[in-house]
N, C-alpha and C. Protein backbone atom coordinates (compact mmCIF):
# COMPACT_ATOMS: atom_id res chain seq x y z
N MET A 1 45.77 15.14 -5.61
CA MET A 1 45.09 14.50 -6.71
C MET A 1 43.79 15.25 -6.99
N TRP A 2 43.56 15.58 -8.22
CA TRP A 2 42.34 16.27 -8.62
C TRP A 2 41.27 15.23 -8.97
N THR A 3 40.09 15.37 -8.39
CA THR A 3 38.99 14.48 -8.75
C THR A 3 38.46 14.87 -10.12
N SER A 4 37.69 13.98 -10.72
CA SER A 4 37.11 14.29 -12.04
C SER A 4 36.18 15.49 -11.94
N ARG A 5 35.47 15.63 -10.83
CA ARG A 5 34.58 16.78 -10.64
C ARG A 5 35.37 18.09 -10.61
N ALA A 6 36.48 18.10 -9.90
CA ALA A 6 37.32 19.30 -9.83
C ALA A 6 37.89 19.63 -11.20
N ALA A 7 38.28 18.61 -11.96
CA ALA A 7 38.81 18.84 -13.31
C ALA A 7 37.73 19.44 -14.21
N LYS A 8 36.50 18.97 -14.09
CA LYS A 8 35.40 19.53 -14.87
C LYS A 8 35.12 20.97 -14.45
N ASP A 9 35.18 21.23 -13.16
CA ASP A 9 35.02 22.60 -12.67
C ASP A 9 36.07 23.52 -13.28
N LEU A 10 37.31 23.04 -13.32
CA LEU A 10 38.40 23.83 -13.87
C LEU A 10 38.20 24.10 -15.36
N GLU A 11 37.68 23.12 -16.09
CA GLU A 11 37.37 23.32 -17.51
C GLU A 11 36.33 24.41 -17.69
N LYS A 12 35.28 24.39 -16.89
CA LYS A 12 34.23 25.41 -16.98
C LYS A 12 34.78 26.79 -16.65
N ILE A 13 35.60 26.84 -15.63
CA ILE A 13 36.20 28.12 -15.24
C ILE A 13 37.13 28.63 -16.34
N THR A 14 37.87 27.72 -16.97
CA THR A 14 38.76 28.10 -18.07
C THR A 14 37.96 28.72 -19.20
N LYS A 15 36.88 28.08 -19.59
CA LYS A 15 36.04 28.63 -20.66
C LYS A 15 35.47 29.99 -20.28
N PHE A 16 35.04 30.13 -19.04
CA PHE A 16 34.51 31.40 -18.56
C PHE A 16 35.58 32.49 -18.64
N TYR A 17 36.79 32.17 -18.20
CA TYR A 17 37.87 33.15 -18.22
C TYR A 17 38.33 33.47 -19.64
N ILE A 18 38.27 32.51 -20.54
CA ILE A 18 38.61 32.79 -21.94
C ILE A 18 37.65 33.82 -22.50
N ASP A 19 36.36 33.63 -22.23
CA ASP A 19 35.37 34.60 -22.69
C ASP A 19 35.56 35.96 -22.04
N LEU A 20 35.95 35.96 -20.78
CA LEU A 20 36.07 37.20 -20.03
C LEU A 20 37.37 37.94 -20.31
N TYR A 21 38.50 37.19 -20.35
CA TYR A 21 39.82 37.82 -20.42
C TYR A 21 40.63 37.47 -21.66
N GLY A 22 40.25 36.44 -22.38
CA GLY A 22 41.04 35.97 -23.52
C GLY A 22 41.90 34.77 -23.12
N HIS A 23 42.44 34.10 -24.15
CA HIS A 23 43.19 32.86 -23.93
C HIS A 23 44.42 33.02 -23.05
N SER A 24 45.21 34.03 -23.29
CA SER A 24 46.47 34.19 -22.56
C SER A 24 46.24 34.39 -21.07
N LYS A 25 45.36 35.31 -20.73
CA LYS A 25 45.08 35.58 -19.31
C LYS A 25 44.39 34.38 -18.66
N ALA A 26 43.50 33.72 -19.38
CA ALA A 26 42.82 32.54 -18.84
C ALA A 26 43.83 31.45 -18.52
N ARG A 27 44.76 31.22 -19.43
CA ARG A 27 45.81 30.21 -19.22
C ARG A 27 46.63 30.55 -17.98
N GLN A 28 46.97 31.83 -17.82
CA GLN A 28 47.75 32.26 -16.66
C GLN A 28 46.99 32.00 -15.37
N ILE A 29 45.72 32.34 -15.33
CA ILE A 29 44.90 32.15 -14.12
C ILE A 29 44.79 30.67 -13.78
N VAL A 30 44.53 29.84 -14.78
CA VAL A 30 44.39 28.40 -14.55
C VAL A 30 45.71 27.82 -14.05
N MET A 31 46.82 28.24 -14.60
CA MET A 31 48.12 27.77 -14.12
C MET A 31 48.33 28.17 -12.67
N GLU A 32 47.93 29.37 -12.31
CA GLU A 32 48.06 29.82 -10.92
C GLU A 32 47.16 29.02 -9.98
N LEU A 33 45.98 28.65 -10.46
CA LEU A 33 45.11 27.80 -9.65
C LEU A 33 45.75 26.45 -9.39
N ARG A 34 46.32 25.86 -10.43
CA ARG A 34 46.99 24.56 -10.28
C ARG A 34 48.21 24.68 -9.36
N GLN A 35 48.96 25.75 -9.51
CA GLN A 35 50.14 25.96 -8.66
C GLN A 35 49.76 26.13 -7.20
N LYS A 36 48.63 26.75 -6.96
CA LYS A 36 48.17 26.96 -5.58
C LYS A 36 47.98 25.63 -4.85
N THR A 37 47.62 24.58 -5.58
CA THR A 37 47.37 23.28 -4.95
C THR A 37 48.65 22.44 -4.82
N GLU A 38 49.73 22.87 -5.43
CA GLU A 38 50.97 22.08 -5.37
C GLU A 38 51.47 21.89 -3.95
N VAL A 39 51.22 22.83 -3.07
CA VAL A 39 51.66 22.72 -1.68
C VAL A 39 51.00 21.51 -1.01
N LEU A 40 49.83 21.12 -1.49
CA LEU A 40 49.13 19.97 -0.91
C LEU A 40 49.79 18.64 -1.26
N GLU A 41 50.66 18.64 -2.26
CA GLU A 41 51.30 17.41 -2.71
C GLU A 41 52.56 17.06 -1.93
N HIS A 42 53.04 17.98 -1.10
CA HIS A 42 54.26 17.73 -0.35
C HIS A 42 53.98 16.76 0.80
N GLU A 43 54.94 15.88 1.02
CA GLU A 43 54.82 14.94 2.13
C GLU A 43 54.85 15.69 3.46
N ASN A 44 54.19 15.14 4.42
CA ASN A 44 54.16 15.69 5.78
C ASN A 44 53.62 17.11 5.86
N VAL A 45 52.75 17.48 4.93
CA VAL A 45 52.14 18.80 4.97
C VAL A 45 50.98 18.77 5.97
N ASP A 46 50.88 19.78 6.79
CA ASP A 46 49.78 19.89 7.75
C ASP A 46 48.68 20.72 7.09
N THR A 47 47.69 20.02 6.53
CA THR A 47 46.63 20.71 5.79
C THR A 47 45.80 21.63 6.67
N SER A 48 45.81 21.41 7.98
CA SER A 48 45.03 22.27 8.88
C SER A 48 45.65 23.66 8.99
N LYS A 49 46.89 23.81 8.57
CA LYS A 49 47.55 25.11 8.63
C LYS A 49 47.59 25.80 7.28
N ILE A 50 47.09 25.13 6.25
CA ILE A 50 47.13 25.70 4.90
C ILE A 50 45.82 26.39 4.55
N GLY A 51 44.72 25.68 4.67
CA GLY A 51 43.44 26.23 4.28
C GLY A 51 42.46 26.26 5.44
N ALA A 52 41.47 27.10 5.31
CA ALA A 52 40.42 27.21 6.33
C ALA A 52 39.33 26.18 6.05
N ILE A 53 38.56 25.86 7.07
CA ILE A 53 37.42 24.95 6.91
C ILE A 53 36.46 25.56 5.89
N ASP A 54 35.97 24.74 4.98
CA ASP A 54 35.00 25.19 3.98
C ASP A 54 33.60 24.89 4.52
N ASP A 55 32.91 25.92 4.98
CA ASP A 55 31.59 25.77 5.60
C ASP A 55 30.54 25.20 4.65
N ALA A 56 30.73 25.34 3.36
CA ALA A 56 29.77 24.81 2.39
C ALA A 56 29.73 23.29 2.41
N PHE A 57 30.76 22.65 2.98
CA PHE A 57 30.85 21.19 3.00
C PHE A 57 30.82 20.63 4.43
N ILE A 58 30.43 21.45 5.39
CA ILE A 58 30.47 21.07 6.80
C ILE A 58 29.54 19.89 7.11
N HIS A 59 28.51 19.73 6.31
CA HIS A 59 27.52 18.67 6.53
C HIS A 59 28.01 17.28 6.10
N LEU A 60 29.15 17.20 5.46
CA LEU A 60 29.68 15.93 4.98
C LEU A 60 30.59 15.27 6.02
N ASN A 61 30.96 14.03 5.79
CA ASN A 61 31.71 13.24 6.77
C ASN A 61 33.17 13.66 6.94
N TYR A 62 33.76 14.25 5.93
CA TYR A 62 35.17 14.62 6.00
C TYR A 62 35.31 16.10 6.34
N ASP A 63 36.50 16.47 6.76
CA ASP A 63 36.81 17.89 6.92
C ASP A 63 37.28 18.43 5.58
N TYR A 64 36.52 19.33 5.03
CA TYR A 64 36.88 19.96 3.76
C TYR A 64 37.46 21.33 4.05
N ARG A 65 38.54 21.63 3.36
CA ARG A 65 39.21 22.91 3.56
C ARG A 65 39.28 23.63 2.22
N LYS A 66 39.58 24.91 2.27
CA LYS A 66 39.58 25.71 1.05
C LYS A 66 40.83 26.57 0.94
N LEU A 67 41.21 26.80 -0.30
CA LEU A 67 42.25 27.75 -0.67
C LEU A 67 41.59 28.77 -1.58
N LEU A 68 42.04 29.99 -1.52
CA LEU A 68 41.49 31.04 -2.38
C LEU A 68 42.58 31.55 -3.31
N GLN A 69 42.20 31.72 -4.57
CA GLN A 69 43.11 32.25 -5.58
C GLN A 69 42.25 32.97 -6.62
N HIS A 70 42.56 34.21 -6.89
CA HIS A 70 41.76 35.05 -7.79
C HIS A 70 40.33 35.09 -7.25
N HIS A 71 39.36 34.79 -8.08
CA HIS A 71 37.97 34.74 -7.64
C HIS A 71 37.53 33.30 -7.40
N CYS A 72 38.49 32.41 -7.19
CA CYS A 72 38.16 30.99 -7.08
C CYS A 72 38.44 30.44 -5.69
N LYS A 73 37.59 29.51 -5.32
CA LYS A 73 37.77 28.75 -4.09
C LYS A 73 38.08 27.31 -4.49
N ILE A 74 39.17 26.79 -4.00
CA ILE A 74 39.60 25.43 -4.28
C ILE A 74 39.33 24.62 -3.00
N THR A 75 38.44 23.64 -3.10
CA THR A 75 38.08 22.83 -1.94
C THR A 75 38.79 21.49 -2.02
N TYR A 76 39.36 21.07 -0.90
CA TYR A 76 40.07 19.80 -0.85
C TYR A 76 39.80 19.09 0.46
N ARG A 77 40.12 17.80 0.48
CA ARG A 77 40.02 17.03 1.72
C ARG A 77 41.20 16.08 1.79
N GLU A 78 41.52 15.70 2.99
CA GLU A 78 42.62 14.78 3.22
C GLU A 78 42.09 13.35 3.20
N GLY A 79 42.70 12.51 2.37
CA GLY A 79 42.39 11.09 2.35
C GLY A 79 43.43 10.35 3.18
N ILE A 80 43.40 9.05 3.15
CA ILE A 80 44.35 8.27 3.93
C ILE A 80 45.78 8.47 3.42
N PHE A 81 45.93 8.45 2.09
CA PHE A 81 47.27 8.56 1.51
C PHE A 81 47.47 9.79 0.63
N LYS A 82 46.38 10.47 0.29
CA LYS A 82 46.47 11.59 -0.64
C LYS A 82 45.58 12.73 -0.18
N ILE A 83 45.84 13.88 -0.76
CA ILE A 83 44.96 15.03 -0.62
C ILE A 83 44.16 15.11 -1.91
N TYR A 84 42.85 15.25 -1.80
CA TYR A 84 41.98 15.29 -2.96
C TYR A 84 41.42 16.69 -3.15
N VAL A 85 41.68 17.27 -4.31
CA VAL A 85 41.03 18.51 -4.70
C VAL A 85 39.68 18.09 -5.26
N VAL A 86 38.60 18.53 -4.60
CA VAL A 86 37.27 18.02 -4.97
C VAL A 86 36.43 19.01 -5.75
N ARG A 87 36.66 20.30 -5.57
CA ARG A 87 35.88 21.30 -6.31
C ARG A 87 36.73 22.54 -6.55
N VAL A 88 36.44 23.22 -7.63
CA VAL A 88 36.99 24.55 -7.92
C VAL A 88 35.79 25.40 -8.26
N PHE A 89 35.62 26.50 -7.56
CA PHE A 89 34.39 27.26 -7.65
C PHE A 89 34.70 28.75 -7.79
N ASP A 90 34.15 29.36 -8.82
CA ASP A 90 34.29 30.81 -8.98
C ASP A 90 33.31 31.45 -8.01
N THR A 91 33.83 32.21 -7.08
CA THR A 91 33.01 32.75 -5.98
C THR A 91 32.01 33.80 -6.43
N ARG A 92 32.05 34.18 -7.69
CA ARG A 92 31.07 35.14 -8.19
C ARG A 92 29.77 34.44 -8.59
N GLN A 93 29.77 33.11 -8.55
CA GLN A 93 28.56 32.35 -8.84
C GLN A 93 27.67 32.28 -7.60
N HIS A 94 26.44 31.84 -7.79
CA HIS A 94 25.54 31.65 -6.66
C HIS A 94 26.09 30.52 -5.80
N PRO A 95 26.13 30.69 -4.47
CA PRO A 95 26.71 29.67 -3.58
C PRO A 95 26.08 28.29 -3.70
N ASN A 96 24.83 28.19 -4.07
CA ASN A 96 24.18 26.89 -4.18
C ASN A 96 24.78 26.03 -5.28
N LYS A 97 25.49 26.65 -6.21
CA LYS A 97 26.15 25.89 -7.28
C LYS A 97 27.40 25.18 -6.78
N ASN A 98 27.80 25.43 -5.57
CA ASN A 98 29.03 24.85 -5.03
C ASN A 98 28.75 23.64 -4.14
N LYS A 99 27.65 22.98 -4.34
CA LYS A 99 27.31 21.82 -3.50
C LYS A 99 27.20 20.58 -4.31
């Protein structure tokens, strides 16, 4: 499940990629980002074997993990019944923007 914050992050990244690469390439990249998270939706998935710990979120109460695709870091956490995609961050930005 994508949080509203992650969805907003994806919108910003889409606009950035449209300016950088054009509509077609931006659409392809965004689709690949969404596809990268599909593995998290499978039942009985062991999230500890999919992504690495995201050190930018280590100070929070949950274990946050990350997936990398293109220049983006997709941060997620495991809830009781769902996996939550909480942020999507273009790694070319300043790291402080990812908090």
